Amino acid sequence: MRVFPALCLFFALAAPMSALADSLRDHALSLFEPLPERIATLDGRTVTEAEVALGQMLFFDPRLADDGATACTACHDPATGGDGNRPMSMGHAWQGGPQNAPTIFNATLNGARFWQGWDEDLAQAGTRDPYRAERIATPDRMVAVLASMPGYVAAFEAAFPGETNPIRPETASRALAAFASTLLTPAPFDDWLRGEGALPDEARKGLALFIDRGCAGCHQGVNLGGDSYHPLRVARVPGTEALPESGVCFALEEADGAEYLYRAGSLRNITRTSPYFSEGSVRSLPLAVQIMGRSQLGTDLTEAEADLITAFLATLQGRVPPITLPVLPDETALTPAPN
């Protein structure tokens, strides 16, 4: 007879914890979305296997670059987080670009393109402004290289049937966007949002802090960021280069009194994409969290709080899709030499 009261007490104590779990998930679902299983359309067009296969070849082919040696993977390496793993991008002839290369993973779902919104249309982004330092190919030469290889001619005709002139910068970019649409990395956080898994206790506390302190004001939606622009540029304070990373080493920077507007980056796979911020100035993720708290939210996060938020961010590290290295079309005597 004493077992029944004990069970009642157990359920009475357990119910609030269950309700709390549901409440946190419900709140999270009002701010975030789980990754879709696949992206079926881009700009109203169905993504075809032929486009994806062509885009994969283009993504890995260094011969399209003016120097004949720099593929998309030079800045967006899918083996190491989909980014460049260096503070600044390197482009044609080892020219340094002005900013850190963001990850290619889940990039199709970003509403804002590039750090400063140079182009909102992902499928056209690679065809415009080809002379910036980190751009690696000029459109005319790229088309000449592609048209010189029968394997690419056949691949473009298969991907874009009925096109009078299928080999164009626009179709190449569409194919690249089609391949990028397959680079989704579902994570433990997505499983939890769907009610199919649990978050570690520290990650739950970090998520609650992330929401409560206002981080989700900029980092929300399916990619926890990637959709809006904000005045933030972090720079190393001159004279602190020899010091270990700490809050005193970094400050917000303005040029001629004007604000920099940069995209709030996606936080997916953020644990694998150091260094952080648009100029890759910070390598410690907890420190980056503290800098963001102070500069954007006006709150001084303790080290313990930053560690909890970092524990939550670790649940955004996703499962990388299998990527097969493509066999590229053969060159011919008509293929332009590298520049």
C-alpha atoms as a PDB file:
ATOM      1  CA  MET A   1       0.000   0.000   0.000  1.00  0.00           C
ATOM      2  CA  ARG A   2       2.948   2.335   0.472  1.00  0.00           C
ATOM      3  CA  VAL A   3       4.119   1.911  -3.129  1.00  0.00           C
ATOM      4  CA  PHE A   4       1.232   3.965  -4.516  1.00  0.00           C
ATOM      5  CA  PRO A   5       2.056   7.159  -2.593  1.00  0.00           C
ATOM      6  CA  ALA A   6       5.700   6.737  -3.577  1.00  0.00           C
ATOM      7  CA  LEU A   7       4.759   6.516  -7.245  1.00  0.00           C
ATOM      8  CA  CYS A   8       2.529   9.567  -6.863  1.00  0.00           C
ATOM      9  CA  LEU A   9       5.435  11.462  -5.357  1.00  0.00           C
ATOM     10  CA  PHE A  10       7.719  10.328  -8.202  1.00  0.00           C
ATOM     11  CA  PHE A  11       5.351  11.543 -10.913  1.00  0.00           C
ATOM     12  CA  ALA A  12       4.679  14.775  -9.030  1.00  0.00           C
ATOM     13  CA  LEU A  13       8.402  15.505  -9.002  1.00  0.00           C
ATOM     14  CA  ALA A  14       8.969  14.320 -12.562  1.00  0.00           C
ATOM     15  CA  ALA A  15       6.117  16.297 -14.145  1.00  0.00           C
ATOM     16  CA  PRO A  16       7.655  19.765 -13.736  1.00  0.00           C
ATOM     17  CA  MET A  17      10.911  18.594 -15.377  1.00  0.00           C
ATOM     18  CA  SER A  18       8.964  17.151 -18.300  1.00  0.00           C
ATOM     19  CA  ALA A  19       6.913  20.316 -18.603  1.00  0.00           C
ATOM     20  CA  LEU A  20      10.118  22.369 -18.513  1.00  0.00           C
ATOM     21  CA  ALA A  21      11.605  20.288 -21.339  1.00  0.00           C
ATOM     22  CA  ASP A  22       8.516  20.756 -23.457  1.00  0.00           C
ATOM     23  CA  SER A  23       8.423  24.461 -22.654  1.00  0.00           C
ATOM     24  CA  LEU A  24      12.047  24.973 -23.758  1.00  0.00           C
ATOM     25  CA  ARG A  25      11.484  23.049 -26.979  1.00  0.00           C
ATOM     26  CA  ASP A  26       8.281  24.947 -27.693  1.00  0.00           C
ATOM     27  CA  HIS A  27      10.103  28.219 -27.161  1.00  0.00           C
ATOM     28  CA  ALA A  28      12.980  27.063 -29.354  1.00  0.00           C
ATOM     29  CA  LEU A  29      10.584  26.068 -32.133  1.00  0.00           C
ATOM     30  CA  SER A  30       9.215  29.615 -32.151  1.00  0.00           C
ATOM     31  CA  LEU A  31      12.726  30.869 -32.946  1.00  0.00           C
ATOM     32  CA  PHE A  32      14.494  28.094 -34.843  1.00  0.00           C
ATOM     33  CA  GLU A  33      13.695  25.504 -37.494  1.00  0.00           C
ATOM     34  CA  PRO A  34      15.174  22.049 -38.035  1.00  0.00           C
ATOM     35  CA  LEU A  35      17.061  21.539 -41.269  1.00  0.00           C
ATOM     36  CA  PRO A  36      14.959  20.104 -44.091  1.00  0.00           C
ATOM     37  CA  GLU A  37      15.806  16.623 -45.298  1.00  0.00           C
ATOM     38  CA  ARG A  38      16.562  17.984 -48.753  1.00  0.00           C
ATOM     39  CA  ILE A  39      16.142  21.085 -50.905  1.00  0.00           C
ATOM     40  CA  ALA A  40      13.976  20.162 -53.865  1.00  0.00           C
ATOM     41  CA  THR A  41      13.743  23.530 -55.627  1.00  0.00           C
ATOM     42  CA  LEU A  42      15.860  26.648 -56.078  1.00  0.00           C
ATOM     43  CA  ASP A  43      14.261  29.842 -57.336  1.00  0.00           C
ATOM     44  CA  GLY A  44      11.202  27.855 -58.347  1.00  0.00           C
ATOM     45  CA  ARG A  45      13.213  25.354 -60.402  1.00  0.00           C
ATOM     46  CA  THR A  46      13.497  21.673 -59.524  1.00  0.00           C
ATOM     47  CA  VAL A  47      17.012  20.642 -58.527  1.00  0.00           C
ATOM     48  CA  THR A  48      17.991  17.764 -60.822  1.00  0.00           C
ATOM     49  CA  GLU A  49      20.620  15.069 -60.340  1.00  0.00           C
ATOM     50  CA  ALA A  50      22.309  16.199 -63.553  1.00  0.00           C
ATOM     51  CA  GLU A  51      22.683  19.747 -62.180  1.00  0.00           C
ATOM     52  CA  VAL A  52      24.051  18.437 -58.886  1.00  0.00           C
ATOM     53  CA  ALA A  53      26.573  16.177 -60.627  1.00  0.00           C
ATOM     54  CA  LEU A  54      27.747  19.030 -62.850  1.00  0.00           C
ATOM     55  CA  GLY A  55      27.977  21.422 -59.907  1.00  0.00           C
ATOM     56  CA  GLN A  56      30.061  18.907 -57.982  1.00  0.00           C
ATOM     57  CA  MET A  57      32.558  18.708 -60.835  1.00  0.00           C
ATOM     58  CA  LEU A  58      32.753  22.505 -61.051  1.00  0.00           C
ATOM     59  CA  PHE A  59      33.210  22.810 -57.294  1.00  0.00           C
ATOM     60  CA  PHE A  60      36.295  20.568 -57.287  1.00  0.00           C
ATOM     61  CA  ASP A  61      37.853  21.645 -60.598  1.00  0.00           C
ATOM     62  CA  PRO A  62      40.848  24.011 -60.187  1.00  0.00           C
ATOM     63  CA  ARG A  63      41.256  24.423 -63.950  1.00  0.00           C
ATOM     64  CA  LEU A  64      38.336  26.867 -64.110  1.00  0.00           C
ATOM     65  CA  ALA A  65      40.355  29.444 -62.187  1.00  0.00           C
ATOM     66  CA  ASP A  66      42.513  31.920 -64.029  1.00  0.00           C
ATOM     67  CA  ASP A  67      45.621  30.397 -62.432  1.00  0.00           C
ATOM     68  CA  GLY A  68      44.439  26.867 -63.223  1.00  0.00           C
ATOM     69  CA  ALA A  69      45.134  25.802 -59.652  1.00  0.00           C
ATOM     70  CA  THR A  70      42.444  27.217 -57.348  1.00  0.00           C
ATOM     71  CA  ALA A  71      39.160  25.368 -56.928  1.00  0.00           C
ATOM     72  CA  CYS A  72      36.181  26.411 -54.814  1.00  0.00           C
ATOM     73  CA  THR A  73      37.529  24.025 -52.174  1.00  0.00           C
ATOM     74  CA  ALA A  74      40.491  26.361 -51.602  1.00  0.00           C
ATOM     75  CA  CYS A  75      38.170  28.581 -49.548  1.00  0.00           C
ATOM     76  CA  HIS A  76      35.318  26.146 -48.854  1.00  0.00           C
ATOM     77  CA  ASP A  77      36.851  22.799 -47.950  1.00  0.00           C
ATOM     78  CA  PRO A  78      34.109  20.257 -47.120  1.00  0.00           C
ATOM     79  CA  ALA A  79      36.666  18.109 -45.307  1.00  0.00           C
ATOM     80  CA  THR A  80      37.311  20.777 -42.662  1.00  0.00           C
ATOM     81  CA  GLY A  81      34.039  22.514 -41.918  1.00  0.00           C
ATOM     82  CA  GLY A  82      33.282  23.902 -45.378  1.00  0.00           C
ATOM     83  CA  ASP A  83      35.303  27.075 -44.828  1.00  0.00           C
ATOM     84  CA  GLY A  84      38.877  28.191 -45.443  1.00  0.00           C
ATOM     85  CA  ASN A  85      40.370  27.718 -41.954  1.00  0.00           C
ATOM     86  CA  ARG A  86      42.342  30.941 -42.269  1.00  0.00           C
ATOM     87  CA  PRO A  87      41.584  34.552 -41.307  1.00  0.00           C
ATOM     88  CA  MET A  88      41.343  35.810 -44.900  1.00  0.00           C
ATOM     89  CA  SER A  89      40.479  34.138 -48.186  1.00  0.00           C
ATOM     90  CA  MET A  90      43.211  33.578 -50.735  1.00  0.00           C
ATOM     91  CA  GLY A  91      42.358  34.116 -54.387  1.00  0.00           C
ATOM     92  CA  HIS A  92      44.064  34.325 -57.763  1.00  0.00           C
ATOM     93  CA  ALA A  93      47.869  34.458 -57.570  1.00  0.00           C
ATOM     94  CA  TRP A  94      47.691  34.236 -53.765  1.00  0.00           C
ATOM     95  CA  GLN A  95      45.977  37.573 -53.427  1.00  0.00           C
ATOM     96  CA  GLY A  96      44.437  38.008 -50.011  1.00  0.00           C
ATOM     97  CA  GLY A  97      40.745  38.748 -49.924  1.00  0.00           C
ATOM     98  CA  PRO A  98      39.351  41.238 -47.424  1.00  0.00           C
ATOM     99  CA  GLN A  99      37.350  38.747 -45.358  1.00  0.00           C
ATOM    100  CA  ASN A 100      37.087  35.311 -43.829  1.00  0.00           C
ATOM    101  CA  ALA A 101      35.425  32.665 -46.020  1.00  0.00           C
ATOM    102  CA  PRO A 102      32.163  31.429 -44.460  1.00  0.00           C
ATOM    103  CA  THR A 103      31.171  27.776 -44.614  1.00  0.00           C
ATOM    104  CA  ILE A 104      29.516  26.308 -47.707  1.00  0.00           C
ATOM    105  CA  PHE A 105      27.502  23.877 -45.568  1.00  0.00           C
ATOM    106  CA  ASN A 106      23.813  24.849 -45.358  1.00  0.00           C
ATOM    107  CA  ALA A 107      24.645  28.091 -47.216  1.00  0.00           C
ATOM    108  CA  THR A 108      21.719  27.580 -49.593  1.00  0.00           C
ATOM    109  CA  LEU A 109      19.383  28.339 -46.683  1.00  0.00           C
ATOM    110  CA  ASN A 110      20.964  31.698 -45.821  1.00  0.00           C
ATOM    111  CA  GLY A 111      18.750  34.653 -46.658  1.00  0.00           C
ATOM    112  CA  ALA A 112      21.734  37.021 -46.909  1.00  0.00           C
ATOM    113  CA  ARG A 113      24.678  36.312 -49.199  1.00  0.00           C
ATOM    114  CA  PHE A 114      28.291  37.086 -48.392  1.00  0.00           C
ATOM    115  CA  TRP A 115      29.386  39.075 -45.370  1.00  0.00           C
ATOM    116  CA  GLN A 116      28.083  42.402 -46.664  1.00  0.00           C
ATOM    117  CA  GLY A 117      25.270  41.381 -48.989  1.00  0.00           C
ATOM    118  CA  TRP A 118      27.129  41.712 -52.256  1.00  0.00           C
ATOM    119  CA  ASP A 119      24.583  39.468 -53.912  1.00  0.00           C
ATOM    120  CA  GLU A 120      21.283  38.109 -52.632  1.00  0.00           C
ATOM    121  CA  ASP A 121      20.913  35.553 -55.445  1.00  0.00           C
ATOM    122  CA  LEU A 122      23.062  32.508 -54.744  1.00  0.00           C
ATOM    123  CA  ALA A 123      22.618  31.076 -58.234  1.00  0.00           C
ATOM    124  CA  GLN A 124      23.988  34.280 -59.819  1.00  0.00           C
ATOM    125  CA  ALA A 125      26.536  35.221 -57.175  1.00  0.00           C
ATOM    126  CA  GLY A 126      29.491  33.585 -58.897  1.00  0.00           C
ATOM    127  CA  THR A 127      28.965  35.485 -62.142  1.00  0.00           C
ATOM    128  CA  ARG A 128      29.221  39.016 -60.797  1.00  0.00           C
ATOM    129  CA  ASP A 129      32.084  41.247 -59.735  1.00  0.00           C
ATOM    130  CA  PRO A 130      34.717  38.768 -60.920  1.00  0.00           C
ATOM    131  CA  TYR A 131      37.679  41.064 -60.278  1.00  0.00           C
ATOM    132  CA  ARG A 132      37.559  41.168 -56.486  1.00  0.00           C
ATOM    133  CA  ALA A 133      40.710  39.654 -55.015  1.00  0.00           C
ATOM    134  CA  GLU A 134      39.166  36.466 -53.678  1.00  0.00           C
ATOM    135  CA  ARG A 135      37.350  35.730 -56.935  1.00  0.00           C
ATOM    136  CA  ILE A 136      39.312  33.042 -58.703  1.00  0.00           C
ATOM    137  CA  ALA A 137      37.894  32.980 -62.253  1.00  0.00           C
ATOM    138  CA  THR A 138      36.891  35.506 -64.890  1.00  0.00           C
ATOM    139  CA  PRO A 139      33.689  34.413 -66.665  1.00  0.00           C
ATOM    140  CA  ASP A 140      34.999  34.516 -70.246  1.00  0.00           C
ATOM    141  CA  ARG A 141      37.983  32.298 -69.521  1.00  0.00           C
ATOM    142  CA  MET A 142      35.880  29.907 -67.448  1.00  0.00           C
ATOM    143  CA  VAL A 143      33.428  29.463 -70.336  1.00  0.00           C
ATOM    144  CA  ALA A 144      36.324  28.876 -72.757  1.00  0.00           C
ATOM    145  CA  VAL A 145      37.781  26.184 -70.493  1.00  0.00           C
ATOM    146  CA  LEU A 146      34.430  24.425 -70.098  1.00  0.00           C
ATOM    147  CA  ALA A 147      33.600  24.572 -73.816  1.00  0.00           C
ATOM    148  CA  SER A 148      36.982  23.057 -74.692  1.00  0.00           C
ATOM    149  CA  MET A 149      36.242  19.757 -72.924  1.00  0.00           C
ATOM    150  CA  PRO A 150      33.713  17.347 -74.494  1.00  0.00           C
ATOM    151  CA  GLY A 151      32.957  15.875 -71.076  1.00  0.00           C
ATOM    152  CA  TYR A 152      31.782  19.247 -69.792  1.00  0.00           C
ATOM    153  CA  VAL A 153      29.844  19.975 -72.984  1.00  0.00           C
ATOM    154  CA  ALA A 154      27.895  16.745 -72.475  1.00  0.00           C
ATOM    155  CA  ALA A 155      27.382  17.449 -68.761  1.00  0.00           C
ATOM    156  CA  PHE A 156      25.981  20.941 -69.433  1.00  0.00           C
ATOM    157  CA  GLU A 157      23.673  19.605 -72.142  1.00  0.00           C
ATOM    158  CA  ALA A 158      22.381  16.944 -69.719  1.00  0.00           C
ATOM    159  CA  ALA A 159      21.903  19.460 -66.909  1.00  0.00           C
ATOM    160  CA  PHE A 160      20.240  22.126 -69.053  1.00  0.00           C
ATOM    161  CA  PRO A 161      18.385  20.343 -71.862  1.00  0.00           C
ATOM    162  CA  GLY A 162      16.797  22.586 -74.451  1.00  0.00           C
ATOM    163  CA  GLU A 163      19.177  25.475 -73.766  1.00  0.00           C
ATOM    164  CA  THR A 164      20.499  26.978 -76.999  1.00  0.00           C
ATOM    165  CA  ASN A 165      23.767  27.923 -75.303  1.00  0.00           C
ATOM    166  CA  PRO A 166      24.020  25.797 -72.150  1.00  0.00           C
ATOM    167  CA  ILE A 167      27.593  26.731 -71.191  1.00  0.00           C
ATOM    168  CA  ARG A 168      27.256  30.172 -69.626  1.00  0.00           C
ATOM    169  CA  PRO A 169      28.355  31.717 -66.317  1.00  0.00           C
ATOM    170  CA  GLU A 170      24.698  31.722 -65.228  1.00  0.00           C
ATOM    171  CA  THR A 171      24.207  28.002 -65.818  1.00  0.00           C
ATOM    172  CA  ALA A 172      27.539  27.204 -64.158  1.00  0.00           C
ATOM    173  CA  SER A 173      26.398  29.123 -61.088  1.00  0.00           C
ATOM    174  CA  ARG A 174      23.031  27.347 -61.126  1.00  0.00           C
ATOM    175  CA  ALA A 175      24.846  24.008 -61.164  1.00  0.00           C
ATOM    176  CA  LEU A 176      27.102  25.079 -58.287  1.00  0.00           C
ATOM    177  CA  ALA A 177      24.044  26.199 -56.321  1.00  0.00           C
ATOM    178  CA  ALA A 178      22.407  22.829 -57.019  1.00  0.00           C
ATOM    179  CA  PHE A 179      25.415  21.004 -55.601  1.00  0.00           C
ATOM    180  CA  ALA A 180      25.556  23.358 -52.604  1.00  0.00           C
ATOM    181  CA  SER A 181      21.904  22.567 -51.891  1.00  0.00           C
ATOM    182  CA  THR A 182      22.923  18.983 -51.079  1.00  0.00           C
ATOM    183  CA  LEU A 183      25.445  20.082 -48.448  1.00  0.00           C
ATOM    184  CA  LEU A 184      23.094  19.972 -45.474  1.00  0.00           C
ATOM    185  CA  THR A 185      24.398  18.914 -42.070  1.00  0.00           C
ATOM    186  CA  PRO A 186      21.583  17.776 -39.732  1.00  0.00           C
ATOM    187  CA  ALA A 187      22.730  18.019 -36.128  1.00  0.00           C
ATOM    188  CA  PRO A 188      21.707  16.796 -32.665  1.00  0.00           C
ATOM    189  CA  PHE A 189      19.877  20.108 -32.193  1.00  0.00           C
ATOM    190  CA  ASP A 190      17.658  19.284 -35.186  1.00  0.00           C
ATOM    191  CA  ASP A 191      16.912  15.859 -33.734  1.00  0.00           C
ATOM    192  CA  TRP A 192      15.895  17.510 -30.458  1.00  0.00           C
ATOM    193  CA  LEU A 193      13.731  20.104 -32.197  1.00  0.00           C
ATOM    194  CA  ARG A 194      11.867  17.233 -33.859  1.00  0.00           C
ATOM    195  CA  GLY A 195      11.445  15.483 -30.520  1.00  0.00           C
ATOM    196  CA  GLU A 196      13.741  12.646 -31.587  1.00  0.00           C
ATOM    197  CA  GLY A 197      16.587  13.113 -29.139  1.00  0.00           C
ATOM    198  CA  ALA A 198      17.778  14.842 -25.992  1.00  0.00           C
ATOM    199  CA  LEU A 199      20.208  17.664 -25.352  1.00  0.00           C
ATOM    200  CA  PRO A 200      22.913  17.316 -22.697  1.00  0.00           C
ATOM    201  CA  ASP A 201      22.148  19.249 -19.530  1.00  0.00           C
ATOM    202  CA  GLU A 202      24.872  21.849 -20.144  1.00  0.00           C
ATOM    203  CA  ALA A 203      23.640  22.382 -23.699  1.00  0.00           C
ATOM    204  CA  ARG A 204      20.086  22.909 -22.420  1.00  0.00           C
ATOM    205  CA  LYS A 205      21.319  25.499 -19.955  1.00  0.00           C
ATOM    206  CA  GLY A 206      23.340  27.131 -22.729  1.00  0.00           C
ATOM    207  CA  LEU A 207      20.306  27.253 -25.023  1.00  0.00           C
ATOM    208  CA  ALA A 208      18.234  28.866 -22.272  1.00  0.00           C
ATOM    209  CA  LEU A 209      20.987  31.480 -21.813  1.00  0.00           C
ATOM    210  CA  PHE A 210      21.286  31.933 -25.584  1.00  0.00           C
ATOM    211  CA  ILE A 211      17.599  32.798 -25.765  1.00  0.00           C
ATOM    212  CA  ASP A 212      17.358  34.739 -22.510  1.00  0.00           C
ATOM    213  CA  ARG A 213      20.364  37.000 -23.184  1.00  0.00           C
ATOM    214  CA  GLY A 214      19.101  37.905 -26.668  1.00  0.00           C
ATOM    215  CA  CYS A 215      21.510  35.983 -28.901  1.00  0.00           C
ATOM    216  CA  ALA A 216      18.539  34.571 -30.807  1.00  0.00           C
ATOM    217  CA  GLY A 217      17.546  38.100 -31.827  1.00  0.00           C
ATOM    218  CA  CYS A 218      20.129  37.891 -34.633  1.00  0.00           C
ATOM    219  CA  HIS A 219      20.866  34.162 -34.714  1.00  0.00           C
ATOM    220  CA  GLN A 220      17.537  32.509 -35.374  1.00  0.00           C
ATOM    221  CA  GLY A 221      15.749  30.617 -38.138  1.00  0.00           C
ATOM    222  CA  VAL A 222      16.893  27.427 -39.782  1.00  0.00           C
ATOM    223  CA  ASN A 223      20.579  28.431 -39.855  1.00  0.00           C
ATOM    224  CA  LEU A 224      20.619  30.339 -36.550  1.00  0.00           C
ATOM    225  CA  GLY A 225      21.765  33.400 -38.474  1.00  0.00           C
ATOM    226  CA  GLY A 226      22.641  34.211 -42.049  1.00  0.00           C
ATOM    227  CA  ASP A 227      19.616  36.455 -42.638  1.00  0.00           C
ATOM    228  CA  SER A 228      20.378  39.953 -41.339  1.00  0.00           C
ATOM    229  CA  TYR A 229      23.096  42.617 -41.167  1.00  0.00           C
ATOM    230  CA  HIS A 230      24.429  44.396 -38.099  1.00  0.00           C
ATOM    231  CA  PRO A 231      27.110  46.984 -37.250  1.00  0.00           C
ATOM    232  CA  LEU A 232      29.935  44.787 -36.046  1.00  0.00           C
ATOM    233  CA  ARG A 233      33.561  44.443 -36.995  1.00  0.00           C
ATOM    234  CA  VAL A 234      36.053  42.990 -34.549  1.00  0.00           C
ATOM    235  CA  ALA A 235      39.707  43.950 -34.839  1.00  0.00           C
ATOM    236  CA  ARG A 236      42.816  43.112 -32.856  1.00  0.00           C
ATOM    237  CA  VAL A 237      44.006  46.048 -30.766  1.00  0.00           C
ATOM    238  CA  PRO A 238      47.454  47.183 -31.991  1.00  0.00           C
ATOM    239  CA  GLY A 239      50.194  46.116 -29.606  1.00  0.00           C
ATOM    240  CA  THR A 240      48.376  43.012 -28.339  1.00  0.00           C
ATOM    241  CA  GLU A 241      49.528  40.655 -31.089  1.00  0.00           C
ATOM    242  CA  ALA A 242      51.945  38.831 -28.787  1.00  0.00           C
ATOM    243  CA  LEU A 243      49.396  38.391 -26.001  1.00  0.00           C
ATOM    244  CA  PRO A 244      47.198  35.297 -25.584  1.00  0.00           C
ATOM    245  CA  GLU A 245      43.624  35.818 -26.747  1.00  0.00           C
ATOM    246  CA  SER A 246      41.492  37.657 -24.219  1.00  0.00           C
ATOM    247  CA  GLY A 247      38.761  40.261 -24.109  1.00  0.00           C
ATOM    248  CA  VAL A 248      41.244  43.120 -23.821  1.00  0.00           C
ATOM    249  CA  CYS A 249      42.873  42.190 -27.144  1.00  0.00           C
ATOM    250  CA  PHE A 250      39.855  42.944 -29.318  1.00  0.00           C
ATOM    251  CA  ALA A 251      37.631  45.935 -29.955  1.00  0.00           C
ATOM    252  CA  LEU A 252      34.953  47.066 -32.366  1.00  0.00           C
ATOM    253  CA  GLU A 253      36.368  49.091 -35.214  1.00  0.00           C
ATOM    254  CA  GLU A 254      34.872  51.918 -37.258  1.00  0.00           C
ATOM    255  CA  ALA A 255      36.214  53.600 -40.377  1.00  0.00           C
ATOM    256  CA  ASP A 256      35.846  57.375 -40.650  1.00  0.00           C
ATOM    257  CA  GLY A 257      33.045  57.233 -38.120  1.00  0.00           C
ATOM    258  CA  ALA A 258      30.905  55.024 -40.379  1.00  0.00           C
ATOM    259  CA  GLU A 259      29.410  51.799 -39.157  1.00  0.00           C
ATOM    260  CA  TYR A 260      30.353  48.511 -40.731  1.00  0.00           C
ATOM    261  CA  LEU A 261      27.347  46.366 -41.538  1.00  0.00           C
ATOM    262  CA  TYR A 262      28.077  42.662 -41.574  1.00  0.00           C
ATOM    263  CA  ARG A 263      25.893  39.614 -41.780  1.00  0.00           C
ATOM    264  CA  ALA A 264      25.057  37.730 -38.621  1.00  0.00           C
ATOM    265  CA  GLY A 265      26.702  34.480 -39.640  1.00  0.00           C
ATOM    266  CA  SER A 266      25.121  31.077 -39.370  1.00  0.00           C
ATOM    267  CA  LEU A 267      26.068  29.282 -36.168  1.00  0.00           C
ATOM    268  CA  ARG A 268      25.737  25.815 -37.633  1.00  0.00           C
ATOM    269  CA  ASN A 269      29.031  23.895 -37.387  1.00  0.00           C
ATOM    270  CA  ILE A 270      30.507  26.948 -35.670  1.00  0.00           C
ATOM    271  CA  THR A 271      32.721  24.692 -33.527  1.00  0.00           C
ATOM    272  CA  ARG A 272      34.533  23.620 -36.712  1.00  0.00           C
ATOM    273  CA  THR A 273      34.911  26.973 -38.492  1.00  0.00           C
ATOM    274  CA  SER A 274      37.509  28.886 -36.491  1.00  0.00           C
ATOM    275  CA  PRO A 275      38.698  31.642 -36.827  1.00  0.00           C
ATOM    276  CA  TYR A 276      35.605  33.740 -36.166  1.00  0.00           C
ATOM    277  CA  PHE A 277      34.061  37.006 -37.359  1.00  0.00           C
ATOM    278  CA  SER A 278      34.229  38.438 -40.862  1.00  0.00           C
ATOM    279  CA  GLU A 279      37.954  39.097 -40.630  1.00  0.00           C
ATOM    280  CA  GLY A 280      38.827  35.893 -38.775  1.00  0.00           C
ATOM    281  CA  SER A 281      40.343  37.745 -35.858  1.00  0.00           C
ATOM    282  CA  VAL A 282      39.349  35.436 -32.974  1.00  0.00           C
ATOM    283  CA  ARG A 283      40.081  31.727 -32.647  1.00  0.00           C
ATOM    284  CA  SER A 284      38.492  30.957 -29.276  1.00  0.00           C
ATOM    285  CA  LEU A 285      34.757  30.279 -29.551  1.00  0.00           C
ATOM    286  CA  PRO A 286      33.957  31.068 -25.889  1.00  0.00           C
ATOM    287  CA  LEU A 287      35.835  34.358 -26.284  1.00  0.00           C
ATOM    288  CA  ALA A 288      33.888  35.128 -29.458  1.00  0.00           C
ATOM    289  CA  VAL A 289      30.682  34.485 -27.490  1.00  0.00           C
ATOM    290  CA  GLN A 290      31.808  36.933 -24.795  1.00  0.00           C
ATOM    291  CA  ILE A 291      32.762  39.585 -27.362  1.00  0.00           C
ATOM    292  CA  MET A 292      29.355  39.272 -29.002  1.00  0.00           C
ATOM    293  CA  GLY A 293      27.596  39.528 -25.666  1.00  0.00           C
ATOM    294  CA  ARG A 294      29.450  42.699 -24.726  1.00  0.00           C
ATOM    295  CA  SER A 295      29.362  44.417 -28.112  1.00  0.00           C
ATOM    296  CA  GLN A 296      25.943  43.452 -29.443  1.00  0.00           C
ATOM    297  CA  LEU A 297      23.881  42.782 -26.334  1.00  0.00           C
ATOM    298  CA  GLY A 298      25.527  45.054 -23.785  1.00  0.00           C
ATOM    299  CA  THR A 299      25.982  42.192 -21.334  1.00  0.00           C
ATOM    300  CA  ASP A 300      29.154  40.817 -19.781  1.00  0.00           C
ATOM    301  CA  LEU A 301      28.926  37.047 -19.973  1.00  0.00           C
ATOM    302  CA  THR A 302      31.036  35.200 -17.434  1.00  0.00           C
ATOM    303  CA  GLU A 303      33.401  32.476 -18.571  1.00  0.00           C
ATOM    304  CA  ALA A 304      31.006  29.909 -17.128  1.00  0.00           C
ATOM    305  CA  GLU A 305      28.087  31.375 -19.101  1.00  0.00           C
ATOM    306  CA  ALA A 306      30.147  31.487 -22.296  1.00  0.00           C
ATOM    307  CA  ASP A 307      31.103  27.842 -21.771  1.00  0.00           C
ATOM    308  CA  LEU A 308      27.435  26.882 -21.388  1.00  0.00           C
ATOM    309  CA  ILE A 309      26.469  28.709 -24.581  1.00  0.00           C
ATOM    310  CA  THR A 310      29.409  27.021 -26.316  1.00  0.00           C
ATOM    311  CA  ALA A 311      28.080  23.659 -25.113  1.00  0.00           C
ATOM    312  CA  PHE A 312      24.798  24.487 -26.826  1.00  0.00           C
ATOM    313  CA  LEU A 313      26.616  25.579 -29.994  1.00  0.00           C
ATOM    314  CA  ALA A 314      28.351  22.188 -30.049  1.00  0.00           C
ATOM    315  CA  THR A 315      24.951  20.574 -30.654  1.00  0.00           C
ATOM    316  CA  LEU A 316      24.853  22.460 -33.985  1.00  0.00           C
ATOM    317  CA  GLN A 317      27.822  20.467 -35.296  1.00  0.00           C
ATOM    318  CA  GLY A 318      26.128  18.362 -37.934  1.00  0.00           C
ATOM    319  CA  ARG A 319      26.548  15.123 -39.814  1.00  0.00           C
ATOM    320  CA  VAL A 320      28.451  15.870 -43.019  1.00  0.00           C
ATOM    321  CA  PRO A 321      26.926  14.220 -46.102  1.00  0.00           C
ATOM    322  CA  PRO A 322      29.114  11.746 -47.990  1.00  0.00           C
ATOM    323  CA  ILE A 323      30.881  13.543 -50.825  1.00  0.00           C
ATOM    324  CA  THR A 324      32.518  11.595 -53.626  1.00  0.00           C
ATOM    325  CA  LEU A 325      35.506  13.167 -55.323  1.00  0.00           C
ATOM    326  CA  PRO A 326      34.405  13.482 -58.969  1.00  0.00           C
ATOM    327  CA  VAL A 327      36.382  12.297 -61.960  1.00  0.00           C
ATOM    328  CA  LEU A 328      36.773  15.448 -64.039  1.00  0.00           C
ATOM    329  CA  PRO A 329      36.556  15.745 -67.846  1.00  0.00           C
ATOM    330  CA  ASP A 330      39.784  15.527 -69.803  1.00  0.00           C
ATOM    331  CA  GLU A 331      41.472  18.606 -71.212  1.00  0.00           C
ATOM    332  CA  THR A 332      42.021  18.994 -74.955  1.00  0.00           C
ATOM    333  CA  ALA A 333      44.414  20.926 -77.166  1.00  0.00           C
ATOM    334  CA  LEU A 334      41.834  23.729 -77.152  1.00  0.00           C
ATOM    335  CA  THR A 335      41.807  24.135 -73.381  1.00  0.00           C
ATOM    336  CA  PRO A 336      43.240  27.573 -72.468  1.00  0.00           C
ATOM    337  CA  ALA A 337      46.496  27.546 -70.546  1.00  0.00           C
ATOM    338  CA  PRO A 338      46.529  28.902 -66.990  1.00  0.00           C
ATOM    339  CA  ASN A 339      47.156  32.600 -66.551  1.00  0.00           C
END
